[in-house]
Amino acid sequence: MSGKIVDKLIILFLIFIAIWSIIPFTWSVVSSLKTREYIMKHPLSWIPKPLAFDNYVKITTKFRIGRDFVNSLIYAGGTALIAMLLCPMAGYALAKKKFKGRNILFIFVLSLMMIPHQVTMIPNFLILKFFPLVGGNNILGQGGTGLLDTYWGLILPKAVQPLFIFLARQFFLSLPTSLIEAARIDGASEFKIYWDIALPLAKPAVTAIGIFAFQWSWNDFIWPLIVTRSPEMETIQIGLQVFNDEFGDLWNLLMAATNVAILPMLIIFIIFQKHFFKGVSFMGSYR
């Protein structure tokens, strides 16, 4: 009996935490429907009077949020696609290919997870700045801006992450080796085995990698702020500053723009949540 009471208390506690977590999002939605005068006078009101649905029209007509939204889609989508393409390859090699130094290489990949991303910002910036034969640079990487203020400058340093390689490796370890050996006996090449057999079975892990990569890039503020220079290249996270910097405290419009900014992540998570949870579960299967 005591066990059932404990279970019910845990469920009630989790329900309370869930409701408490939803409150800020609900407040932002409500605030996005207030007029500027009403939100300044009644910031904690949960019933806007009147409902200002035109706030969502204003953020697209008076501000460049549309361009920022597209830039973020290219940045986050490009990062996710490259991560889903390259990281599973590395994870498969570390899990199923036997070569000298494999365990040492894997330990090195794990050690990279302990390095704060702030440490790598300056080296990455300099690599992009002096990248040869692009952005006006000569063969020695001099004379121009390299990959700065470009989509490739945003995407490339963020696409391949140690965590993604680790996640892919953990999933491929769960695949039966006999399945791969049977394909080899049938004469399949290593790439065909990976592409036609291993990769389709790793769909949950690949989906989880894509969601993680998209989310981190979509919510990223510091790296786009460092790499981009022109207003035409700024992402939506940088663009949200305009509602407080240039035009005063437009909190109602800021809330509307914020809700628009989180919409892609909500849609992606709702569609792929089954594969996401299944893929993440393999992160705990370290062997």
C-alpha atoms as a PDB file:
ATOM      1  CA  MET A   1       0.000   0.000   0.000  1.00  0.00           C
ATOM      2  CA  SER A   2       2.811   2.361   0.897  1.00  0.00           C
ATOM      3  CA  GLY A   3       4.409   1.674  -2.477  1.00  0.00           C
ATOM      4  CA  LYS A   4       1.250   2.751  -4.315  1.00  0.00           C
ATOM      5  CA  ILE A   5       1.075   5.949  -2.258  1.00  0.00           C
ATOM      6  CA  VAL A   6       4.670   6.747  -3.137  1.00  0.00           C
ATOM      7  CA  ASP A   7       3.957   6.140  -6.828  1.00  0.00           C
ATOM      8  CA  LYS A   8       0.957   8.462  -6.715  1.00  0.00           C
ATOM      9  CA  LEU A   9       2.975  11.150  -4.943  1.00  0.00           C
ATOM     10  CA  ILE A  10       5.692  10.868  -7.601  1.00  0.00           C
ATOM     11  CA  ILE A  11       3.086  11.187 -10.361  1.00  0.00           C
ATOM     12  CA  LEU A  12       1.554  14.246  -8.689  1.00  0.00           C
ATOM     13  CA  PHE A  13       4.990  15.784  -8.288  1.00  0.00           C
ATOM     14  CA  LEU A  14       5.816  15.191 -11.972  1.00  0.00           C
ATOM     15  CA  ILE A  15       2.467  16.700 -13.002  1.00  0.00           C
ATOM     16  CA  PHE A  16       3.246  19.758 -10.867  1.00  0.00           C
ATOM     17  CA  ILE A  17       6.694  20.113 -12.474  1.00  0.00           C
ATOM     18  CA  ALA A  18       5.163  19.770 -15.961  1.00  0.00           C
ATOM     19  CA  ILE A  19       2.548  22.454 -15.280  1.00  0.00           C
ATOM     20  CA  TRP A  20       5.158  24.719 -13.715  1.00  0.00           C
ATOM     21  CA  SER A  21       7.366  24.303 -16.789  1.00  0.00           C
ATOM     22  CA  ILE A  22       4.528  25.252 -19.146  1.00  0.00           C
ATOM     23  CA  ILE A  23       3.688  28.485 -17.301  1.00  0.00           C
ATOM     24  CA  PRO A  24       6.496  30.628 -18.864  1.00  0.00           C
ATOM     25  CA  PHE A  25       5.577  29.471 -22.365  1.00  0.00           C
ATOM     26  CA  THR A  26       1.890  30.154 -21.720  1.00  0.00           C
ATOM     27  CA  TRP A  27       2.735  33.621 -20.411  1.00  0.00           C
ATOM     28  CA  SER A  28       4.768  34.402 -23.524  1.00  0.00           C
ATOM     29  CA  VAL A  29       1.860  33.373 -25.770  1.00  0.00           C
ATOM     30  CA  VAL A  30      -0.576  35.498 -23.776  1.00  0.00           C
ATOM     31  CA  SER A  31       1.813  38.464 -23.719  1.00  0.00           C
ATOM     32  CA  SER A  32       2.282  38.254 -27.481  1.00  0.00           C
ATOM     33  CA  LEU A  33      -1.436  39.032 -27.852  1.00  0.00           C
ATOM     34  CA  LYS A  34      -1.329  42.210 -25.766  1.00  0.00           C
ATOM     35  CA  THR A  35      -0.951  45.759 -26.970  1.00  0.00           C
ATOM     36  CA  ARG A  36       2.148  47.671 -25.906  1.00  0.00           C
ATOM     37  CA  GLU A  37       0.155  49.887 -23.532  1.00  0.00           C
ATOM     38  CA  TYR A  38      -1.665  46.955 -21.938  1.00  0.00           C
ATOM     39  CA  ILE A  39       1.461  44.867 -21.335  1.00  0.00           C
ATOM     40  CA  MET A  40       3.196  47.804 -19.641  1.00  0.00           C
ATOM     41  CA  LYS A  41       0.225  48.380 -17.328  1.00  0.00           C
ATOM     42  CA  HIS A  42      -0.727  44.739 -16.767  1.00  0.00           C
ATOM     43  CA  PRO A  43       2.372  42.576 -17.330  1.00  0.00           C
ATOM     44  CA  LEU A  44       1.015  39.661 -15.264  1.00  0.00           C
ATOM     45  CA  SER A  45      -2.499  39.659 -16.700  1.00  0.00           C
ATOM     46  CA  TRP A  46      -3.522  36.333 -18.245  1.00  0.00           C
ATOM     47  CA  ILE A  47      -6.462  37.710 -20.240  1.00  0.00           C
ATOM     48  CA  PRO A  48      -5.405  40.340 -22.835  1.00  0.00           C
ATOM     49  CA  LYS A  49      -7.870  43.134 -23.522  1.00  0.00           C
ATOM     50  CA  PRO A  50      -8.073  43.569 -26.443  1.00  0.00           C
ATOM     51  CA  LEU A  51      -6.489  40.650 -28.287  1.00  0.00           C
ATOM     52  CA  ALA A  52      -3.742  42.038 -30.541  1.00  0.00           C
ATOM     53  CA  PHE A  53      -3.306  39.336 -33.178  1.00  0.00           C
ATOM     54  CA  ASP A  54      -1.762  41.934 -35.469  1.00  0.00           C
ATOM     55  CA  ASN A  55       1.439  41.712 -33.392  1.00  0.00           C
ATOM     56  CA  TYR A  56       2.386  38.681 -35.491  1.00  0.00           C
ATOM     57  CA  VAL A  57       1.811  40.699 -38.648  1.00  0.00           C
ATOM     58  CA  LYS A  58       3.914  43.616 -37.390  1.00  0.00           C
ATOM     59  CA  ILE A  59       6.987  41.487 -36.707  1.00  0.00           C
ATOM     60  CA  THR A  60       7.035  40.363 -40.334  1.00  0.00           C
ATOM     61  CA  THR A  61       6.213  43.711 -41.974  1.00  0.00           C
ATOM     62  CA  LYS A  62       8.150  46.204 -39.811  1.00  0.00           C
ATOM     63  CA  PHE A  63      11.160  44.037 -38.988  1.00  0.00           C
ATOM     64  CA  ARG A  64      13.424  41.672 -40.937  1.00  0.00           C
ATOM     65  CA  ILE A  65      12.445  38.607 -38.931  1.00  0.00           C
ATOM     66  CA  GLY A  66      11.611  36.741 -42.149  1.00  0.00           C
ATOM     67  CA  ARG A  67      15.183  36.992 -43.407  1.00  0.00           C
ATOM     68  CA  ASP A  68      16.549  36.057 -39.980  1.00  0.00           C
ATOM     69  CA  PHE A  69      14.205  33.057 -39.887  1.00  0.00           C
ATOM     70  CA  VAL A  70      15.470  31.817 -43.265  1.00  0.00           C
ATOM     71  CA  ASN A  71      19.099  32.274 -42.183  1.00  0.00           C
ATOM     72  CA  SER A  72      18.470  30.215 -39.056  1.00  0.00           C
ATOM     73  CA  LEU A  73      16.781  27.502 -41.114  1.00  0.00           C
ATOM     74  CA  ILE A  74      19.783  27.297 -43.440  1.00  0.00           C
ATOM     75  CA  TYR A  75      22.221  27.313 -40.511  1.00  0.00           C
ATOM     76  CA  ALA A  76      20.379  24.747 -38.401  1.00  0.00           C
ATOM     77  CA  GLY A  77      19.233  22.611 -41.330  1.00  0.00           C
ATOM     78  CA  GLY A  78      22.681  22.528 -42.935  1.00  0.00           C
ATOM     79  CA  THR A  79      24.325  21.646 -39.628  1.00  0.00           C
ATOM     80  CA  ALA A  80      21.820  18.848 -39.005  1.00  0.00           C
ATOM     81  CA  LEU A  81      22.216  17.369 -42.503  1.00  0.00           C
ATOM     82  CA  ILE A  82      26.023  17.292 -42.339  1.00  0.00           C
ATOM     83  CA  ALA A  83      25.937  15.877 -38.821  1.00  0.00           C
ATOM     84  CA  MET A  84      23.519  13.125 -39.905  1.00  0.00           C
ATOM     85  CA  LEU A  85      25.785  12.309 -42.847  1.00  0.00           C
ATOM     86  CA  LEU A  86      29.256  12.316 -41.252  1.00  0.00           C
ATOM     87  CA  CYS A  87      28.824  11.455 -37.562  1.00  0.00           C
ATOM     88  CA  PRO A  88      27.171   8.045 -38.149  1.00  0.00           C
ATOM     89  CA  MET A  89      30.087   7.136 -40.450  1.00  0.00           C
ATOM     90  CA  ALA A  90      32.568   7.842 -37.668  1.00  0.00           C
ATOM     91  CA  GLY A  91      30.402   6.032 -35.115  1.00  0.00           C
ATOM     92  CA  TYR A  92      30.104   2.974 -37.362  1.00  0.00           C
ATOM     93  CA  ALA A  93      33.879   2.805 -37.864  1.00  0.00           C
ATOM     94  CA  LEU A  94      34.508   3.017 -34.107  1.00  0.00           C
ATOM     95  CA  ALA A  95      31.880   0.387 -33.363  1.00  0.00           C
ATOM     96  CA  LYS A  96      32.269  -2.221 -36.109  1.00  0.00           C
ATOM     97  CA  LYS A  97      35.641  -1.750 -37.766  1.00  0.00           C
ATOM     98  CA  LYS A  98      38.703  -3.300 -36.131  1.00  0.00           C
ATOM     99  CA  PHE A  99      41.868  -1.281 -36.574  1.00  0.00           C
ATOM    100  CA  LYS A 100      44.913  -0.448 -34.530  1.00  0.00           C
ATOM    101  CA  GLY A 101      44.372   2.385 -32.079  1.00  0.00           C
ATOM    102  CA  ARG A 102      40.561   2.251 -32.286  1.00  0.00           C
ATOM    103  CA  ASN A 103      40.044   2.416 -28.509  1.00  0.00           C
ATOM    104  CA  ILE A 104      42.596   5.210 -28.134  1.00  0.00           C
ATOM    105  CA  LEU A 105      40.838   7.169 -30.865  1.00  0.00           C
ATOM    106  CA  PHE A 106      37.491   6.669 -29.135  1.00  0.00           C
ATOM    107  CA  ILE A 107      38.930   7.870 -25.814  1.00  0.00           C
ATOM    108  CA  PHE A 108      40.232  10.932 -27.649  1.00  0.00           C
ATOM    109  CA  VAL A 109      36.733  11.591 -29.021  1.00  0.00           C
ATOM    110  CA  LEU A 110      35.288  11.286 -25.512  1.00  0.00           C
ATOM    111  CA  SER A 111      37.921  13.666 -24.145  1.00  0.00           C
ATOM    112  CA  LEU A 112      36.819  16.294 -26.672  1.00  0.00           C
ATOM    113  CA  MET A 113      33.397  16.281 -24.998  1.00  0.00           C
ATOM    114  CA  MET A 114      35.017  17.741 -21.866  1.00  0.00           C
ATOM    115  CA  ILE A 115      36.413  20.790 -23.678  1.00  0.00           C
ATOM    116  CA  PRO A 116      34.118  23.851 -23.323  1.00  0.00           C
ATOM    117  CA  HIS A 117      33.067  25.260 -26.666  1.00  0.00           C
ATOM    118  CA  GLN A 118      34.272  28.703 -25.549  1.00  0.00           C
ATOM    119  CA  VAL A 119      37.828  27.378 -25.754  1.00  0.00           C
ATOM    120  CA  THR A 120      37.472  26.519 -29.449  1.00  0.00           C
ATOM    121  CA  MET A 121      35.831  29.767 -30.557  1.00  0.00           C
ATOM    122  CA  ILE A 122      39.015  31.711 -31.269  1.00  0.00           C
ATOM    123  CA  PRO A 123      40.786  28.840 -33.129  1.00  0.00           C
ATOM    124  CA  ASN A 124      37.665  28.215 -35.222  1.00  0.00           C
ATOM    125  CA  PHE A 125      37.359  31.914 -35.987  1.00  0.00           C
ATOM    126  CA  LEU A 126      40.981  32.124 -37.136  1.00  0.00           C
ATOM    127  CA  ILE A 127      40.636  28.998 -39.299  1.00  0.00           C
ATOM    128  CA  LEU A 128      37.615  30.509 -41.036  1.00  0.00           C
ATOM    129  CA  LYS A 129      39.270  33.919 -41.351  1.00  0.00           C
ATOM    130  CA  PHE A 130      42.393  32.548 -43.054  1.00  0.00           C
ATOM    131  CA  PHE A 131      40.723  29.799 -45.100  1.00  0.00           C
ATOM    132  CA  PRO A 132      42.533  29.835 -48.465  1.00  0.00           C
ATOM    133  CA  LEU A 133      40.978  30.690 -51.834  1.00  0.00           C
ATOM    134  CA  VAL A 134      37.615  31.867 -50.500  1.00  0.00           C
ATOM    135  CA  GLY A 135      36.293  35.240 -49.424  1.00  0.00           C
ATOM    136  CA  GLY A 136      39.045  37.097 -51.259  1.00  0.00           C
ATOM    137  CA  ASN A 137      41.881  35.116 -49.646  1.00  0.00           C
ATOM    138  CA  ASN A 138      44.873  33.948 -51.644  1.00  0.00           C
ATOM    139  CA  ILE A 139      46.439  30.484 -51.451  1.00  0.00           C
ATOM    140  CA  LEU A 140      48.046  31.473 -48.138  1.00  0.00           C
ATOM    141  CA  GLY A 141      44.759  32.647 -46.651  1.00  0.00           C
ATOM    142  CA  GLN A 142      45.650  36.341 -46.789  1.00  0.00           C
ATOM    143  CA  GLY A 143      43.842  39.372 -48.157  1.00  0.00           C
ATOM    144  CA  GLY A 144      40.173  38.660 -47.468  1.00  0.00           C
ATOM    145  CA  THR A 145      37.608  37.479 -44.934  1.00  0.00           C
ATOM    146  CA  GLY A 146      37.658  33.763 -45.724  1.00  0.00           C
ATOM    147  CA  LEU A 147      34.501  31.965 -44.643  1.00  0.00           C
ATOM    148  CA  LEU A 148      33.427  34.668 -42.220  1.00  0.00           C
ATOM    149  CA  ASP A 149      29.927  36.040 -42.750  1.00  0.00           C
ATOM    150  CA  THR A 150      28.913  33.011 -44.829  1.00  0.00           C
ATOM    151  CA  TYR A 151      26.623  30.043 -44.286  1.00  0.00           C
ATOM    152  CA  TRP A 152      29.586  27.660 -44.471  1.00  0.00           C
ATOM    153  CA  GLY A 153      31.316  29.646 -41.750  1.00  0.00           C
ATOM    154  CA  LEU A 154      28.298  29.104 -39.530  1.00  0.00           C
ATOM    155  CA  ILE A 155      27.760  25.440 -40.357  1.00  0.00           C
ATOM    156  CA  LEU A 156      31.142  23.720 -40.667  1.00  0.00           C
ATOM    157  CA  PRO A 157      32.514  24.236 -37.120  1.00  0.00           C
ATOM    158  CA  LYS A 158      29.246  23.057 -35.562  1.00  0.00           C
ATOM    159  CA  ALA A 159      28.318  20.066 -37.721  1.00  0.00           C
ATOM    160  CA  VAL A 160      30.596  17.328 -36.359  1.00  0.00           C
ATOM    161  CA  GLN A 161      30.388  17.054 -32.574  1.00  0.00           C
ATOM    162  CA  PRO A 162      31.959  14.372 -30.303  1.00  0.00           C
ATOM    163  CA  LEU A 163      28.574  13.728 -28.687  1.00  0.00           C
ATOM    164  CA  PHE A 164      27.038  12.835 -32.040  1.00  0.00           C
ATOM    165  CA  ILE A 165      29.851  10.386 -32.813  1.00  0.00           C
ATOM    166  CA  PHE A 166      29.438   8.837 -29.368  1.00  0.00           C
ATOM    167  CA  LEU A 167      25.687   8.482 -29.823  1.00  0.00           C
ATOM    168  CA  ALA A 168      26.112   6.834 -33.226  1.00  0.00           C
ATOM    169  CA  ARG A 169      28.769   4.433 -31.891  1.00  0.00           C
ATOM    170  CA  GLN A 170      26.560   3.344 -29.009  1.00  0.00           C
ATOM    171  CA  PHE A 171      23.754   2.489 -31.408  1.00  0.00           C
ATOM    172  CA  PHE A 172      25.937   0.589 -33.866  1.00  0.00           C
ATOM    173  CA  LEU A 173      27.351  -1.492 -30.993  1.00  0.00           C
ATOM    174  CA  SER A 174      23.857  -2.888 -30.497  1.00  0.00           C
ATOM    175  CA  LEU A 175      23.661  -4.177 -34.085  1.00  0.00           C
ATOM    176  CA  PRO A 176      24.468  -7.897 -34.478  1.00  0.00           C
ATOM    177  CA  THR A 177      27.944  -8.391 -35.911  1.00  0.00           C
ATOM    178  CA  SER A 178      26.701 -11.582 -37.585  1.00  0.00           C
ATOM    179  CA  LEU A 179      24.468  -9.468 -39.821  1.00  0.00           C
ATOM    180  CA  ILE A 180      27.462  -7.516 -41.097  1.00  0.00           C
ATOM    181  CA  GLU A 181      29.580 -10.652 -41.496  1.00  0.00           C
ATOM    182  CA  ALA A 182      26.833 -12.294 -43.551  1.00  0.00           C
ATOM    183  CA  ALA A 183      26.785  -9.306 -45.892  1.00  0.00           C
ATOM    184  CA  ARG A 184      30.555  -9.519 -46.286  1.00  0.00           C
ATOM    185  CA  ILE A 185      30.301 -13.207 -47.169  1.00  0.00           C
ATOM    186  CA  ASP A 186      27.729 -12.316 -49.828  1.00  0.00           C
ATOM    187  CA  GLY A 187      30.308  -9.980 -51.393  1.00  0.00           C
ATOM    188  CA  ALA A 188      28.926  -6.627 -50.277  1.00  0.00           C
ATOM    189  CA  SER A 189      31.437  -3.791 -50.059  1.00  0.00           C
ATOM    190  CA  GLU A 190      32.045  -2.015 -46.762  1.00  0.00           C
ATOM    191  CA  PHE A 191      30.252   1.119 -47.916  1.00  0.00           C
ATOM    192  CA  LYS A 192      27.275  -0.908 -49.181  1.00  0.00           C
ATOM    193  CA  ILE A 193      27.068  -2.714 -45.834  1.00  0.00           C
ATOM    194  CA  TYR A 194      27.038   0.609 -44.033  1.00  0.00           C
ATOM    195  CA  TRP A 195      24.663   2.417 -46.392  1.00  0.00           C
ATOM    196  CA  ASP A 196      22.135  -0.367 -47.099  1.00  0.00           C
ATOM    197  CA  ILE A 197      22.185  -2.326 -43.832  1.00  0.00           C
ATOM    198  CA  ALA A 198      23.650  -0.470 -40.857  1.00  0.00           C
ATOM    199  CA  LEU A 199      22.423   3.044 -41.588  1.00  0.00           C
ATOM    200  CA  PRO A 200      18.724   2.180 -42.121  1.00  0.00           C
ATOM    201  CA  LEU A 201      18.736   0.264 -38.840  1.00  0.00           C
ATOM    202  CA  ALA A 202      20.280   3.280 -37.107  1.00  0.00           C
ATOM    203  CA  LYS A 203      17.384   5.558 -38.008  1.00  0.00           C
ATOM    204  CA  PRO A 204      16.553   6.390 -34.326  1.00  0.00           C
ATOM    205  CA  ALA A 205      20.145   7.400 -33.572  1.00  0.00           C
ATOM    206  CA  VAL A 206      20.492   9.408 -36.778  1.00  0.00           C
ATOM    207  CA  THR A 207      17.202  11.175 -36.039  1.00  0.00           C
ATOM    208  CA  ALA A 208      18.364  12.016 -32.517  1.00  0.00           C
ATOM    209  CA  ILE A 209      21.619  13.415 -33.922  1.00  0.00           C
ATOM    210  CA  GLY A 210      19.688  15.543 -36.406  1.00  0.00           C
ATOM    211  CA  ILE A 211      17.364  16.902 -33.716  1.00  0.00           C
ATOM    212  CA  PHE A 212      20.247  17.723 -31.381  1.00  0.00           C
ATOM    213  CA  ALA A 213      22.226  19.417 -34.148  1.00  0.00           C
ATOM    214  CA  PHE A 214      19.219  21.407 -35.349  1.00  0.00           C
ATOM    215  CA  GLN A 215      18.258  22.488 -31.830  1.00  0.00           C
ATOM    216  CA  TRP A 216      21.753  23.596 -30.818  1.00  0.00           C
ATOM    217  CA  SER A 217      22.245  25.549 -34.022  1.00  0.00           C
ATOM    218  CA  TRP A 218      18.779  27.077 -33.994  1.00  0.00           C
ATOM    219  CA  ASN A 219      19.200  28.317 -30.404  1.00  0.00           C
ATOM    220  CA  ASP A 220      22.822  29.361 -30.873  1.00  0.00           C
ATOM    221  CA  PHE A 221      23.547  33.029 -30.239  1.00  0.00           C
ATOM    222  CA  ILE A 222      27.272  33.443 -29.545  1.00  0.00           C
ATOM    223  CA  TRP A 223      28.706  31.742 -32.650  1.00  0.00           C
ATOM    224  CA  PRO A 224      26.517  33.588 -35.209  1.00  0.00           C
ATOM    225  CA  LEU A 225      27.256  36.814 -33.336  1.00  0.00           C
ATOM    226  CA  ILE A 226      31.001  36.197 -33.779  1.00  0.00           C
ATOM    227  CA  VAL A 227      30.970  34.931 -37.378  1.00  0.00           C
ATOM    228  CA  THR A 228      28.347  37.113 -39.046  1.00  0.00           C
ATOM    229  CA  ARG A 229      28.886  40.804 -39.755  1.00  0.00           C
ATOM    230  CA  SER A 230      26.196  41.945 -42.171  1.00  0.00           C
ATOM    231  CA  PRO A 231      22.495  42.272 -41.261  1.00  0.00           C
ATOM    232  CA  GLU A 232      21.671  39.987 -44.203  1.00  0.00           C
ATOM    233  CA  MET A 233      23.421  37.059 -42.468  1.00  0.00           C
ATOM    234  CA  GLU A 234      22.151  37.421 -38.910  1.00  0.00           C
ATOM    235  CA  THR A 235      20.101  34.582 -37.438  1.00  0.00           C
ATOM    236  CA  ILE A 236      16.790  34.883 -35.653  1.00  0.00           C
ATOM    237  CA  GLN A 237      18.392  34.681 -32.204  1.00  0.00           C
ATOM    238  CA  ILE A 238      20.448  37.784 -33.019  1.00  0.00           C
ATOM    239  CA  GLY A 239      17.470  39.427 -34.693  1.00  0.00           C
ATOM    240  CA  LEU A 240      15.425  39.225 -31.483  1.00  0.00           C
ATOM    241  CA  GLN A 241      17.648  41.943 -30.031  1.00  0.00           C
ATOM    242  CA  VAL A 242      16.060  44.539 -32.304  1.00  0.00           C
ATOM    243  CA  PHE A 243      12.884  44.568 -30.217  1.00  0.00           C
ATOM    244  CA  ASN A 244      14.802  45.911 -27.234  1.00  0.00           C
ATOM    245  CA  ASP A 245      17.724  47.806 -28.745  1.00  0.00           C
ATOM    246  CA  GLU A 246      16.528  49.926 -31.639  1.00  0.00           C
ATOM    247  CA  PHE A 247      12.859  50.526 -30.900  1.00  0.00           C
ATOM    248  CA  GLY A 248      12.622  50.497 -27.099  1.00  0.00           C
ATOM    249  CA  ASP A 249      10.976  47.846 -24.941  1.00  0.00           C
ATOM    250  CA  LEU A 250       8.479  46.272 -27.340  1.00  0.00           C
ATOM    251  CA  TRP A 251       7.767  43.308 -25.085  1.00  0.00           C
ATOM    252  CA  ASN A 252       4.574  42.258 -26.854  1.00  0.00           C
ATOM    253  CA  LEU A 253       6.351  42.085 -30.219  1.00  0.00           C
ATOM    254  CA  LEU A 254       9.351  40.391 -28.625  1.00  0.00           C
ATOM    255  CA  MET A 255       7.082  37.675 -27.215  1.00  0.00           C
ATOM    256  CA  ALA A 256       5.444  37.231 -30.616  1.00  0.00           C
ATOM    257  CA  ALA A 257       8.830  36.920 -32.335  1.00  0.00           C
ATOM    258  CA  THR A 258      10.026  34.501 -29.648  1.00  0.00           C
ATOM    259  CA  ASN A 259       7.008  32.267 -30.207  1.00  0.00           C
ATOM    260  CA  VAL A 260       7.728  32.257 -33.926  1.00  0.00           C
ATOM    261  CA  ALA A 261      11.356  31.386 -33.175  1.00  0.00           C
ATOM    262  CA  ILE A 262      10.500  28.284 -31.126  1.00  0.00           C
ATOM    263  CA  LEU A 263       7.879  27.010 -33.581  1.00  0.00           C
ATOM    264  CA  PRO A 264      10.269  24.931 -35.779  1.00  0.00           C
ATOM    265  CA  MET A 265      11.679  23.110 -32.747  1.00  0.00           C
ATOM    266  CA  LEU A 266       8.205  22.247 -31.510  1.00  0.00           C
ATOM    267  CA  ILE A 267       7.188  20.894 -34.903  1.00  0.00           C
ATOM    268  CA  ILE A 268      10.352  18.820 -35.325  1.00  0.00           C
ATOM    269  CA  PHE A 269      10.136  17.374 -31.834  1.00  0.00           C
ATOM    270  CA  ILE A 270       6.452  16.453 -32.182  1.00  0.00           C
ATOM    271  CA  ILE A 271       7.066  14.692 -35.504  1.00  0.00           C
ATOM    272  CA  PHE A 272      10.242  12.807 -34.540  1.00  0.00           C
ATOM    273  CA  GLN A 273       9.859  12.360 -30.777  1.00  0.00           C
ATOM    274  CA  LYS A 274       9.497   8.551 -31.023  1.00  0.00           C
ATOM    275  CA  HIS A 275      12.814   8.166 -32.849  1.00  0.00           C
ATOM    276  CA  PHE A 276      14.409  10.801 -30.621  1.00  0.00           C
ATOM    277  CA  PHE A 277      13.647   8.998 -27.348  1.00  0.00           C
ATOM    278  CA  LYS A 278      14.647   5.652 -28.799  1.00  0.00           C
ATOM    279  CA  GLY A 279      17.947   7.041 -30.026  1.00  0.00           C
ATOM    280  CA  VAL A 280      18.789   8.821 -26.793  1.00  0.00           C
ATOM    281  CA  SER A 281      18.156   5.635 -24.805  1.00  0.00           C
ATOM    282  CA  PHE A 282      21.274   4.140 -26.388  1.00  0.00           C
ATOM    283  CA  MET A 283      23.458   6.838 -24.863  1.00  0.00           C
ATOM    284  CA  GLY A 284      23.346   4.913 -21.609  1.00  0.00           C
ATOM    285  CA  SER A 285      24.504   1.643 -23.198  1.00  0.00           C
ATOM    286  CA  TYR A 286      28.248   2.430 -23.026  1.00  0.00           C
ATOM    287  CA  ARG A 287      30.385  -0.650 -23.499  1.00  0.00           C
END
